[in-house]
Amino acid sequence: TSSGGRTSYSDSVKGRLTISRGNAKNTV
């Protein structure tokens, strides 16, 4: 999400890949 508060993953990558936003939120 835009706030970085929620994430969603496909089943094929869950547990192996992590999405996140940087502190400045200009990079994912």
mmCIF file of all heavy atoms, coordinates in Angstrom:
data_MODEL
# 
_entry.id   MODEL 
# 
loop_
_atom_site.group_PDB 
_atom_site.id 
_atom_site.type_symbol 
_atom_site.label_atom_id 
_atom_site.label_alt_id 
_atom_site.label_comp_id 
_atom_site.label_asym_id 
_atom_site.label_entity_id 
_atom_site.label_seq_id 
_atom_site.pdbx_PDB_ins_code 
_atom_site.Cartn_x 
_atom_site.Cartn_y 
_atom_site.Cartn_z 
_atom_site.occupancy 
_atom_site.B_iso_or_equiv 
_atom_site.pdbx_formal_charge 
_atom_site.auth_seq_id 
_atom_site.auth_comp_id 
_atom_site.auth_asym_id 
_atom_site.auth_atom_id 
_atom_site.pdbx_PDB_model_num 
ATOM 1   N N   . THR A 1 1  ? 0.824  -1.196  0.000  1.00 0.00 ? 1  THR A N   1 
ATOM 2   C CA  . THR A 1 1  ? 0.000  0.000   0.000  1.00 0.00 ? 1  THR A CA  1 
ATOM 3   C C   . THR A 1 1  ? 0.863  1.252   0.000  1.00 0.00 ? 1  THR A C   1 
ATOM 4   O O   . THR A 1 1  ? 2.058  1.220   0.284  1.00 0.00 ? 1  THR A O   1 
ATOM 5   C CB  . THR A 1 1  ? -0.929 0.023   1.209  1.00 0.00 ? 1  THR A CB  1 
ATOM 6   O OG1 . THR A 1 1  ? -0.151 -0.075  2.413  1.00 0.00 ? 1  THR A OG1 1 
ATOM 7   C CG2 . THR A 1 1  ? -1.917 -1.137  1.163  1.00 0.00 ? 1  THR A CG2 1 
ATOM 8   N N   . SER A 1 2  ? 0.232  2.379   -0.318 1.00 0.00 ? 2  SER A N   1 
ATOM 9   C CA  . SER A 1 2  ? 0.950  3.649   -0.365 1.00 0.00 ? 2  SER A CA  1 
ATOM 10  C C   . SER A 1 2  ? 1.608  3.983   0.964  1.00 0.00 ? 2  SER A C   1 
ATOM 11  O O   . SER A 1 2  ? 2.681  4.589   0.995  1.00 0.00 ? 2  SER A O   1 
ATOM 12  C CB  . SER A 1 2  ? 0.012  4.774   -0.796 1.00 0.00 ? 2  SER A CB  1 
ATOM 13  O OG  . SER A 1 2  ? -1.098 4.874   0.084  1.00 0.00 ? 2  SER A OG  1 
ATOM 14  N N   . SER A 1 3  ? 0.972  3.599   2.056  1.00 0.00 ? 3  SER A N   1 
ATOM 15  C CA  . SER A 1 3  ? 1.525  3.849   3.381  1.00 0.00 ? 3  SER A CA  1 
ATOM 16  C C   . SER A 1 3  ? 2.581  2.830   3.786  1.00 0.00 ? 3  SER A C   1 
ATOM 17  O O   . SER A 1 3  ? 3.321  3.060   4.742  1.00 0.00 ? 3  SER A O   1 
ATOM 18  C CB  . SER A 1 3  ? 0.405  3.848   4.424  1.00 0.00 ? 3  SER A CB  1 
ATOM 19  O OG  . SER A 1 3  ? -0.155 2.559   4.561  1.00 0.00 ? 3  SER A OG  1 
ATOM 20  N N   . GLY A 1 4  ? 2.636  1.734   3.084  1.00 0.00 ? 4  GLY A N   1 
ATOM 21  C CA  . GLY A 1 4  ? 3.532  0.658   3.449  1.00 0.00 ? 4  GLY A CA  1 
ATOM 22  C C   . GLY A 1 4  ? 2.999  -0.237  4.543  1.00 0.00 ? 4  GLY A C   1 
ATOM 23  O O   . GLY A 1 4  ? 3.704  -1.135  5.006  1.00 0.00 ? 4  GLY A O   1 
ATOM 24  N N   . GLY A 1 5  ? 1.757  -0.017  4.943  1.00 0.00 ? 5  GLY A N   1 
ATOM 25  C CA  . GLY A 1 5  ? 1.207  -0.734  6.072  1.00 0.00 ? 5  GLY A CA  1 
ATOM 26  C C   . GLY A 1 5  ? 0.686  -2.125  5.767  1.00 0.00 ? 5  GLY A C   1 
ATOM 27  O O   . GLY A 1 5  ? 0.523  -2.935  6.684  1.00 0.00 ? 5  GLY A O   1 
ATOM 28  N N   . ARG A 1 6  ? 0.382  -2.388  4.531  1.00 0.00 ? 6  ARG A N   1 
ATOM 29  C CA  . ARG A 1 6  ? -0.140 -3.689  4.145  1.00 0.00 ? 6  ARG A CA  1 
ATOM 30  C C   . ARG A 1 6  ? 0.603  -4.208  2.927  1.00 0.00 ? 6  ARG A C   1 
ATOM 31  O O   . ARG A 1 6  ? 0.992  -3.439  2.055  1.00 0.00 ? 6  ARG A O   1 
ATOM 32  C CB  . ARG A 1 6  ? -1.633 -3.629  3.843  1.00 0.00 ? 6  ARG A CB  1 
ATOM 33  C CG  . ARG A 1 6  ? -2.520 -3.376  5.053  1.00 0.00 ? 6  ARG A CG  1 
ATOM 34  C CD  . ARG A 1 6  ? -3.968 -3.579  4.692  1.00 0.00 ? 6  ARG A CD  1 
ATOM 35  N NE  . ARG A 1 6  ? -4.408 -2.623  3.683  1.00 0.00 ? 6  ARG A NE  1 
ATOM 36  C CZ  . ARG A 1 6  ? -5.510 -2.759  2.958  1.00 0.00 ? 6  ARG A CZ  1 
ATOM 37  N NH1 . ARG A 1 6  ? -6.286 -3.822  3.123  1.00 0.00 ? 6  ARG A NH1 1 
ATOM 38  N NH2 . ARG A 1 6  ? -5.842 -1.835  2.072  1.00 0.00 ? 6  ARG A NH2 1 
ATOM 39  N N   . THR A 1 7  ? 0.772  -5.511  2.883  1.00 0.00 ? 7  THR A N   1 
ATOM 40  C CA  . THR A 1 7  ? 1.431  -6.163  1.763  1.00 0.00 ? 7  THR A CA  1 
ATOM 41  C C   . THR A 1 7  ? 0.626  -7.369  1.316  1.00 0.00 ? 7  THR A C   1 
ATOM 42  O O   . THR A 1 7  ? -0.184 -7.913  2.065  1.00 0.00 ? 7  THR A O   1 
ATOM 43  C CB  . THR A 1 7  ? 2.854  -6.607  2.117  1.00 0.00 ? 7  THR A CB  1 
ATOM 44  O OG1 . THR A 1 7  ? 2.820  -7.494  3.242  1.00 0.00 ? 7  THR A OG1 1 
ATOM 45  C CG2 . THR A 1 7  ? 3.729  -5.405  2.457  1.00 0.00 ? 7  THR A CG2 1 
ATOM 46  N N   . SER A 1 8  ? 0.869  -7.773  0.096  1.00 0.00 ? 8  SER A N   1 
ATOM 47  C CA  . SER A 1 8  ? 0.201  -8.930  -0.467 1.00 0.00 ? 8  SER A CA  1 
ATOM 48  C C   . SER A 1 8  ? 1.187  -9.670  -1.363 1.00 0.00 ? 8  SER A C   1 
ATOM 49  O O   . SER A 1 8  ? 2.014  -9.045  -2.027 1.00 0.00 ? 8  SER A O   1 
ATOM 50  C CB  . SER A 1 8  ? -1.034 -8.506  -1.264 1.00 0.00 ? 8  SER A CB  1 
ATOM 51  O OG  . SER A 1 8  ? -1.717 -9.628  -1.790 1.00 0.00 ? 8  SER A OG  1 
ATOM 52  N N   . TYR A 1 9  ? 1.091  -10.995 -1.373 1.00 0.00 ? 9  TYR A N   1 
ATOM 53  C CA  . TYR A 1 9  ? 2.014  -11.817 -2.142 1.00 0.00 ? 9  TYR A CA  1 
ATOM 54  C C   . TYR A 1 9  ? 1.279  -12.914 -2.882 1.00 0.00 ? 9  TYR A C   1 
ATOM 55  O O   . TYR A 1 9  ? 0.240  -13.407 -2.427 1.00 0.00 ? 9  TYR A O   1 
ATOM 56  C CB  . TYR A 1 9  ? 3.056  -12.473 -1.233 1.00 0.00 ? 9  TYR A CB  1 
ATOM 57  C CG  . TYR A 1 9  ? 3.909  -11.502 -0.459 1.00 0.00 ? 9  TYR A CG  1 
ATOM 58  C CD1 . TYR A 1 9  ? 3.533  -11.079 0.809  1.00 0.00 ? 9  TYR A CD1 1 
ATOM 59  C CD2 . TYR A 1 9  ? 5.089  -11.011 -1.001 1.00 0.00 ? 9  TYR A CD2 1 
ATOM 60  C CE1 . TYR A 1 9  ? 4.318  -10.186 1.519  1.00 0.00 ? 9  TYR A CE1 1 
ATOM 61  C CE2 . TYR A 1 9  ? 5.872  -10.118 -0.290 1.00 0.00 ? 9  TYR A CE2 1 
ATOM 62  C CZ  . TYR A 1 9  ? 5.481  -9.709  0.969  1.00 0.00 ? 9  TYR A CZ  1 
ATOM 63  O OH  . TYR A 1 9  ? 6.260  -8.823  1.668  1.00 0.00 ? 9  TYR A OH  1 
ATOM 64  N N   . SER A 1 10 ? 1.841  -13.293 -4.010 1.00 0.00 ? 10 SER A N   1 
ATOM 65  C CA  . SER A 1 10 ? 1.349  -14.488 -4.669 1.00 0.00 ? 10 SER A CA  1 
ATOM 66  C C   . SER A 1 10 ? 1.800  -15.709 -3.879 1.00 0.00 ? 10 SER A C   1 
ATOM 67  O O   . SER A 1 10 ? 2.816  -15.675 -3.175 1.00 0.00 ? 10 SER A O   1 
ATOM 68  C CB  . SER A 1 10 ? 1.860  -14.566 -6.108 1.00 0.00 ? 10 SER A CB  1 
ATOM 69  O OG  . SER A 1 10 ? 3.260  -14.799 -6.137 1.00 0.00 ? 10 SER A OG  1 
ATOM 70  N N   . ASP A 1 11 ? 1.055  -16.785 -4.000 1.00 0.00 ? 11 ASP A N   1 
ATOM 71  C CA  . ASP A 1 11 ? 1.393  -17.993 -3.259 1.00 0.00 ? 11 ASP A CA  1 
ATOM 72  C C   . ASP A 1 11 ? 2.763  -18.541 -3.650 1.00 0.00 ? 11 ASP A C   1 
ATOM 73  O O   . ASP A 1 11 ? 3.453  -19.145 -2.825 1.00 0.00 ? 11 ASP A O   1 
ATOM 74  C CB  . ASP A 1 11 ? 0.329  -19.069 -3.480 1.00 0.00 ? 11 ASP A CB  1 
ATOM 75  C CG  . ASP A 1 11 ? -0.986 -18.730 -2.813 1.00 0.00 ? 11 ASP A CG  1 
ATOM 76  O OD1 . ASP A 1 11 ? -0.989 -17.913 -1.865 1.00 0.00 ? 11 ASP A OD1 1 
ATOM 77  O OD2 . ASP A 1 11 ? -2.016 -19.293 -3.232 1.00 0.00 ? 11 ASP A OD2 1 
ATOM 78  N N   . SER A 1 12 ? 3.167  -18.322 -4.880 1.00 0.00 ? 12 SER A N   1 
ATOM 79  C CA  . SER A 1 12 ? 4.416  -18.891 -5.356 1.00 0.00 ? 12 SER A CA  1 
ATOM 80  C C   . SER A 1 12 ? 5.650  -18.262 -4.725 1.00 0.00 ? 12 SER A C   1 
ATOM 81  O O   . SER A 1 12 ? 6.724  -18.874 -4.738 1.00 0.00 ? 12 SER A O   1 
ATOM 82  C CB  . SER A 1 12 ? 4.500  -18.783 -6.882 1.00 0.00 ? 12 SER A CB  1 
ATOM 83  O OG  . SER A 1 12 ? 4.510  -17.432 -7.291 1.00 0.00 ? 12 SER A OG  1 
ATOM 84  N N   . VAL A 1 13 ? 5.527  -17.062 -4.179 1.00 0.00 ? 13 VAL A N   1 
ATOM 85  C CA  . VAL A 1 13 ? 6.680  -16.374 -3.621 1.00 0.00 ? 13 VAL A CA  1 
ATOM 86  C C   . VAL A 1 13 ? 6.554  -16.124 -2.131 1.00 0.00 ? 13 VAL A C   1 
ATOM 87  O O   . VAL A 1 13 ? 7.517  -15.674 -1.499 1.00 0.00 ? 13 VAL A O   1 
ATOM 88  C CB  . VAL A 1 13 ? 6.955  -15.041 -4.333 1.00 0.00 ? 13 VAL A CB  1 
ATOM 89  C CG1 . VAL A 1 13 ? 7.128  -15.262 -5.831 1.00 0.00 ? 13 VAL A CG1 1 
ATOM 90  C CG2 . VAL A 1 13 ? 5.841  -14.037 -4.056 1.00 0.00 ? 13 VAL A CG2 1 
ATOM 91  N N   . LYS A 1 14 ? 5.405  -16.395 -1.563 1.00 0.00 ? 14 LYS A N   1 
ATOM 92  C CA  . LYS A 1 14 ? 5.171  -16.122 -0.150 1.00 0.00 ? 14 LYS A CA  1 
ATOM 93  C C   . LYS A 1 14 ? 6.195  -16.858 0.710  1.00 0.00 ? 14 LYS A C   1 
ATOM 94  O O   . LYS A 1 14 ? 6.427  -18.052 0.534  1.00 0.00 ? 14 LYS A O   1 
ATOM 95  C CB  . LYS A 1 14 ? 3.754  -16.526 0.225  1.00 0.00 ? 14 LYS A CB  1 
ATOM 96  C CG  . LYS A 1 14 ? 3.286  -16.012 1.578  1.00 0.00 ? 14 LYS A CG  1 
ATOM 97  C CD  . LYS A 1 14 ? 1.803  -16.326 1.790  1.00 0.00 ? 14 LYS A CD  1 
ATOM 98  C CE  . LYS A 1 14 ? 0.943  -15.675 0.719  1.00 0.00 ? 14 LYS A CE  1 
ATOM 99  N NZ  . LYS A 1 14 ? -0.509 -15.967 0.921  1.00 0.00 ? 14 LYS A NZ  1 
ATOM 100 N N   . GLY A 1 15 ? 6.814  -16.121 1.621  1.00 0.00 ? 15 GLY A N   1 
ATOM 101 C CA  . GLY A 1 15 ? 7.826  -16.691 2.487  1.00 0.00 ? 15 GLY A CA  1 
ATOM 102 C C   . GLY A 1 15 ? 9.228  -16.562 1.955  1.00 0.00 ? 15 GLY A C   1 
ATOM 103 O O   . GLY A 1 15 ? 10.190 -16.742 2.708  1.00 0.00 ? 15 GLY A O   1 
ATOM 104 N N   . ARG A 1 16 ? 9.382  -16.249 0.675  1.00 0.00 ? 16 ARG A N   1 
ATOM 105 C CA  . ARG A 1 16 ? 10.695 -16.105 0.062  1.00 0.00 ? 16 ARG A CA  1 
ATOM 106 C C   . ARG A 1 16 ? 10.992 -14.679 -0.362 1.00 0.00 ? 16 ARG A C   1 
ATOM 107 O O   . ARG A 1 16 ? 12.156 -14.274 -0.390 1.00 0.00 ? 16 ARG A O   1 
ATOM 108 C CB  . ARG A 1 16 ? 10.833 -17.031 -1.146 1.00 0.00 ? 16 ARG A CB  1 
ATOM 109 C CG  . ARG A 1 16 ? 10.672 -18.502 -0.823 1.00 0.00 ? 16 ARG A CG  1 
ATOM 110 C CD  . ARG A 1 16 ? 11.006 -19.384 -2.023 1.00 0.00 ? 16 ARG A CD  1 
ATOM 111 N NE  . ARG A 1 16 ? 10.121 -19.135 -3.152 1.00 0.00 ? 16 ARG A NE  1 
ATOM 112 C CZ  . ARG A 1 16 ? 10.507 -18.602 -4.307 1.00 0.00 ? 16 ARG A CZ  1 
ATOM 113 N NH1 . ARG A 1 16 ? 11.772 -18.267 -4.491 1.00 0.00 ? 16 ARG A NH1 1 
ATOM 114 N NH2 . ARG A 1 16 ? 9.626  -18.426 -5.284 1.00 0.00 ? 16 ARG A NH2 1 
ATOM 115 N N   . LEU A 1 17 ? 9.959  -13.937 -0.701 1.00 0.00 ? 17 LEU A N   1 
ATOM 116 C CA  . LEU A 1 17 ? 10.117 -12.566 -1.166 1.00 0.00 ? 17 LEU A CA  1 
ATOM 117 C C   . LEU A 1 17 ? 9.416  -11.614 -0.207 1.00 0.00 ? 17 LEU A C   1 
ATOM 118 O O   . LEU A 1 17 ? 8.348  -11.928 0.325  1.00 0.00 ? 17 LEU A O   1 
ATOM 119 C CB  . LEU A 1 17 ? 9.554  -12.394 -2.573 1.00 0.00 ? 17 LEU A CB  1 
ATOM 120 C CG  . LEU A 1 17 ? 10.456 -12.774 -3.750 1.00 0.00 ? 17 LEU A CG  1 
ATOM 121 C CD1 . LEU A 1 17 ? 10.818 -14.258 -3.728 1.00 0.00 ? 17 LEU A CD1 1 
ATOM 122 C CD2 . LEU A 1 17 ? 9.777  -12.422 -5.061 1.00 0.00 ? 17 LEU A CD2 1 
ATOM 123 N N   . THR A 1 18 ? 10.019 -10.453 -0.013 1.00 0.00 ? 18 THR A N   1 
ATOM 124 C CA  . THR A 1 18 ? 9.465  -9.447  0.879  1.00 0.00 ? 18 THR A CA  1 
ATOM 125 C C   . THR A 1 18 ? 9.459  -8.094  0.186  1.00 0.00 ? 18 THR A C   1 
ATOM 126 O O   . THR A 1 18 ? 10.496 -7.640  -0.298 1.00 0.00 ? 18 THR A O   1 
ATOM 127 C CB  . THR A 1 18 ? 10.265 -9.353  2.183  1.00 0.00 ? 18 THR A CB  1 
ATOM 128 O OG1 . THR A 1 18 ? 10.281 -10.620 2.841  1.00 0.00 ? 18 THR A OG1 1 
ATOM 129 C CG2 . THR A 1 18 ? 9.638  -8.321  3.115  1.00 0.00 ? 18 THR A CG2 1 
ATOM 130 N N   . ILE A 1 19 ? 8.304  -7.469  0.138  1.00 0.00 ? 19 ILE A N   1 
ATOM 131 C CA  . ILE A 1 19 ? 8.184  -6.136  -0.434 1.00 0.00 ? 19 ILE A CA  1 
ATOM 132 C C   . ILE A 1 19 ? 8.165  -5.118  0.699  1.00 0.00 ? 19 ILE A C   1 
ATOM 133 O O   . ILE A 1 19 ? 7.568  -5.347  1.750  1.00 0.00 ? 19 ILE A O   1 
ATOM 134 C CB  . ILE A 1 19 ? 6.924  -6.025  -1.321 1.00 0.00 ? 19 ILE A CB  1 
ATOM 135 C CG1 . ILE A 1 19 ? 6.911  -4.708  -2.096 1.00 0.00 ? 19 ILE A CG1 1 
ATOM 136 C CG2 . ILE A 1 19 ? 5.651  -6.202  -0.504 1.00 0.00 ? 19 ILE A CG2 1 
ATOM 137 C CD1 . ILE A 1 19 ? 5.817  -4.641  -3.152 1.00 0.00 ? 19 ILE A CD1 1 
ATOM 138 N N   . SER A 1 20 ? 8.812  -3.991  0.491  1.00 0.00 ? 20 SER A N   1 
ATOM 139 C CA  . SER A 1 20 ? 8.875  -2.971  1.522  1.00 0.00 ? 20 SER A CA  1 
ATOM 140 C C   . SER A 1 20 ? 9.118  -1.612  0.893  1.00 0.00 ? 20 SER A C   1 
ATOM 141 O O   . SER A 1 20 ? 9.553  -1.504  -0.257 1.00 0.00 ? 20 SER A O   1 
ATOM 142 C CB  . SER A 1 20 ? 9.972  -3.277  2.544  1.00 0.00 ? 20 SER A CB  1 
ATOM 143 O OG  . SER A 1 20 ? 11.249 -3.266  1.930  1.00 0.00 ? 20 SER A OG  1 
ATOM 144 N N   . ARG A 1 21 ? 8.814  -0.568  1.653  1.00 0.00 ? 21 ARG A N   1 
ATOM 145 C CA  . ARG A 1 21 ? 9.126  0.798   1.250  1.00 0.00 ? 21 ARG A CA  1 
ATOM 146 C C   . ARG A 1 21 ? 10.276 1.329   2.080  1.00 0.00 ? 21 ARG A C   1 
ATOM 147 O O   . ARG A 1 21 ? 10.383 1.040   3.270  1.00 0.00 ? 21 ARG A O   1 
ATOM 148 C CB  . ARG A 1 21 ? 7.911  1.707   1.421  1.00 0.00 ? 21 ARG A CB  1 
ATOM 149 C CG  . ARG A 1 21 ? 6.828  1.539   0.379  1.00 0.00 ? 21 ARG A CG  1 
ATOM 150 C CD  . ARG A 1 21 ? 5.734  2.577   0.582  1.00 0.00 ? 21 ARG A CD  1 
ATOM 151 N NE  . ARG A 1 21 ? 4.657  2.436   -0.388 1.00 0.00 ? 21 ARG A NE  1 
ATOM 152 C CZ  . ARG A 1 21 ? 4.556  3.115   -1.518 1.00 0.00 ? 21 ARG A CZ  1 
ATOM 153 N NH1 . ARG A 1 21 ? 5.493  4.014   -1.835 1.00 0.00 ? 21 ARG A NH1 1 
ATOM 154 N NH2 . ARG A 1 21 ? 3.535  2.915   -2.338 1.00 0.00 ? 21 ARG A NH2 1 
ATOM 155 N N   . GLY A 1 22 ? 11.135 2.117   1.455  1.00 0.00 ? 22 GLY A N   1 
ATOM 156 C CA  . GLY A 1 22 ? 12.195 2.775   2.176  1.00 0.00 ? 22 GLY A CA  1 
ATOM 157 C C   . GLY A 1 22 ? 11.643 3.835   3.106  1.00 0.00 ? 22 GLY A C   1 
ATOM 158 O O   . GLY A 1 22 ? 10.474 4.209   3.036  1.00 0.00 ? 22 GLY A O   1 
ATOM 159 N N   . ASN A 1 23 ? 12.514 4.325   3.991  1.00 0.00 ? 23 ASN A N   1 
ATOM 160 C CA  . ASN A 1 23 ? 12.075 5.320   4.964  1.00 0.00 ? 23 ASN A CA  1 
ATOM 161 C C   . ASN A 1 23 ? 11.519 6.580   4.308  1.00 0.00 ? 23 ASN A C   1 
ATOM 162 O O   . ASN A 1 23 ? 10.542 7.157   4.793  1.00 0.00 ? 23 ASN A O   1 
ATOM 163 C CB  . ASN A 1 23 ? 13.232 5.684   5.896  1.00 0.00 ? 23 ASN A CB  1 
ATOM 164 C CG  . ASN A 1 23 ? 13.609 4.556   6.830  1.00 0.00 ? 23 ASN A CG  1 
ATOM 165 O OD1 . ASN A 1 23 ? 12.798 3.687   7.144  1.00 0.00 ? 23 ASN A OD1 1 
ATOM 166 N ND2 . ASN A 1 23 ? 14.850 4.567   7.294  1.00 0.00 ? 23 ASN A ND2 1 
ATOM 167 N N   . ALA A 1 24 ? 12.129 6.991   3.218  1.00 0.00 ? 24 ALA A N   1 
ATOM 168 C CA  . ALA A 1 24 ? 11.658 8.167   2.494  1.00 0.00 ? 24 ALA A CA  1 
ATOM 169 C C   . ALA A 1 24 ? 10.477 7.857   1.591  1.00 0.00 ? 24 ALA A C   1 
ATOM 170 O O   . ALA A 1 24 ? 9.877  8.760   1.030  1.00 0.00 ? 24 ALA A O   1 
ATOM 171 C CB  . ALA A 1 24 ? 12.794 8.771   1.678  1.00 0.00 ? 24 ALA A CB  1 
ATOM 172 N N   . LYS A 1 25 ? 10.163 6.606   1.419  1.00 0.00 ? 25 LYS A N   1 
ATOM 173 C CA  . LYS A 1 25 ? 9.034  6.115   0.636  1.00 0.00 ? 25 LYS A CA  1 
ATOM 174 C C   . LYS A 1 25 ? 9.103  6.509   -0.834 1.00 0.00 ? 25 LYS A C   1 
ATOM 175 O O   . LYS A 1 25 ? 8.083  6.525   -1.516 1.00 0.00 ? 25 LYS A O   1 
ATOM 176 C CB  . LYS A 1 25 ? 7.706  6.553   1.260  1.00 0.00 ? 25 LYS A CB  1 
ATOM 177 C CG  . LYS A 1 25 ? 7.483  6.026   2.662  1.00 0.00 ? 25 LYS A CG  1 
ATOM 178 C CD  . LYS A 1 25 ? 6.072  6.310   3.155  1.00 0.00 ? 25 LYS A CD  1 
ATOM 179 C CE  . LYS A 1 25 ? 5.896  5.876   4.599  1.00 0.00 ? 25 LYS A CE  1 
ATOM 180 N NZ  . LYS A 1 25 ? 6.153  4.422   4.785  1.00 0.00 ? 25 LYS A NZ  1 
ATOM 181 N N   . ASN A 1 26 ? 10.295 6.814   -1.302 1.00 0.00 ? 26 ASN A N   1 
ATOM 182 C CA  . ASN A 1 26 ? 10.481 7.054   -2.722 1.00 0.00 ? 26 ASN A CA  1 
ATOM 183 C C   . ASN A 1 26 ? 11.070 5.834   -3.426 1.00 0.00 ? 26 ASN A C   1 
ATOM 184 O O   . ASN A 1 26 ? 11.311 5.878   -4.634 1.00 0.00 ? 26 ASN A O   1 
ATOM 185 C CB  . ASN A 1 26 ? 11.372 8.268   -2.956 1.00 0.00 ? 26 ASN A CB  1 
ATOM 186 C CG  . ASN A 1 26 ? 12.771 8.087   -2.396 1.00 0.00 ? 26 ASN A CG  1 
ATOM 187 O OD1 . ASN A 1 26 ? 13.005 7.243   -1.534 1.00 0.00 ? 26 ASN A OD1 1 
ATOM 188 N ND2 . ASN A 1 26 ? 13.706 8.888   -2.881 1.00 0.00 ? 26 ASN A ND2 1 
ATOM 189 N N   . THR A 1 27 ? 11.286 4.787   -2.666 1.00 0.00 ? 27 THR A N   1 
ATOM 190 C CA  . THR A 1 27 ? 11.823 3.552   -3.206 1.00 0.00 ? 27 THR A CA  1 
ATOM 191 C C   . THR A 1 27 ? 11.081 2.367   -2.614 1.00 0.00 ? 27 THR A C   1 
ATOM 192 O O   . THR A 1 27 ? 10.805 2.333   -1.419 1.00 0.00 ? 27 THR A O   1 
ATOM 193 C CB  . THR A 1 27 ? 13.327 3.408   -2.913 1.00 0.00 ? 27 THR A CB  1 
ATOM 194 O OG1 . THR A 1 27 ? 14.032 4.546   -3.424 1.00 0.00 ? 27 THR A OG1 1 
ATOM 195 C CG2 . THR A 1 27 ? 13.885 2.153   -3.570 1.00 0.00 ? 27 THR A CG2 1 
ATOM 196 N N   . VAL A 1 28 ? 10.753 1.421   -3.454 1.00 0.00 ? 28 VAL A N   1 
ATOM 197 C CA  . VAL A 1 28 ? 10.148 0.173   -3.018 1.00 0.00 ? 28 VAL A CA  1 
ATOM 198 C C   . VAL A 1 28 ? 11.116 -0.954  -3.332 1.00 0.00 ? 28 VAL A C   1 
ATOM 199 O O   . VAL A 1 28 ? 11.702 -0.996  -4.418 1.00 0.00 ? 28 VAL A O   1 
ATOM 200 C CB  . VAL A 1 28 ? 8.789  -0.068  -3.696 1.00 0.00 ? 28 VAL A CB  1 
ATOM 201 C CG1 . VAL A 1 28 ? 8.268  -1.469  -3.383 1.00 0.00 ? 28 VAL A CG1 1 
ATOM 202 C CG2 . VAL A 1 28 ? 7.781  0.975   -3.224 1.00 0.00 ? 28 VAL A CG2 1 
# 
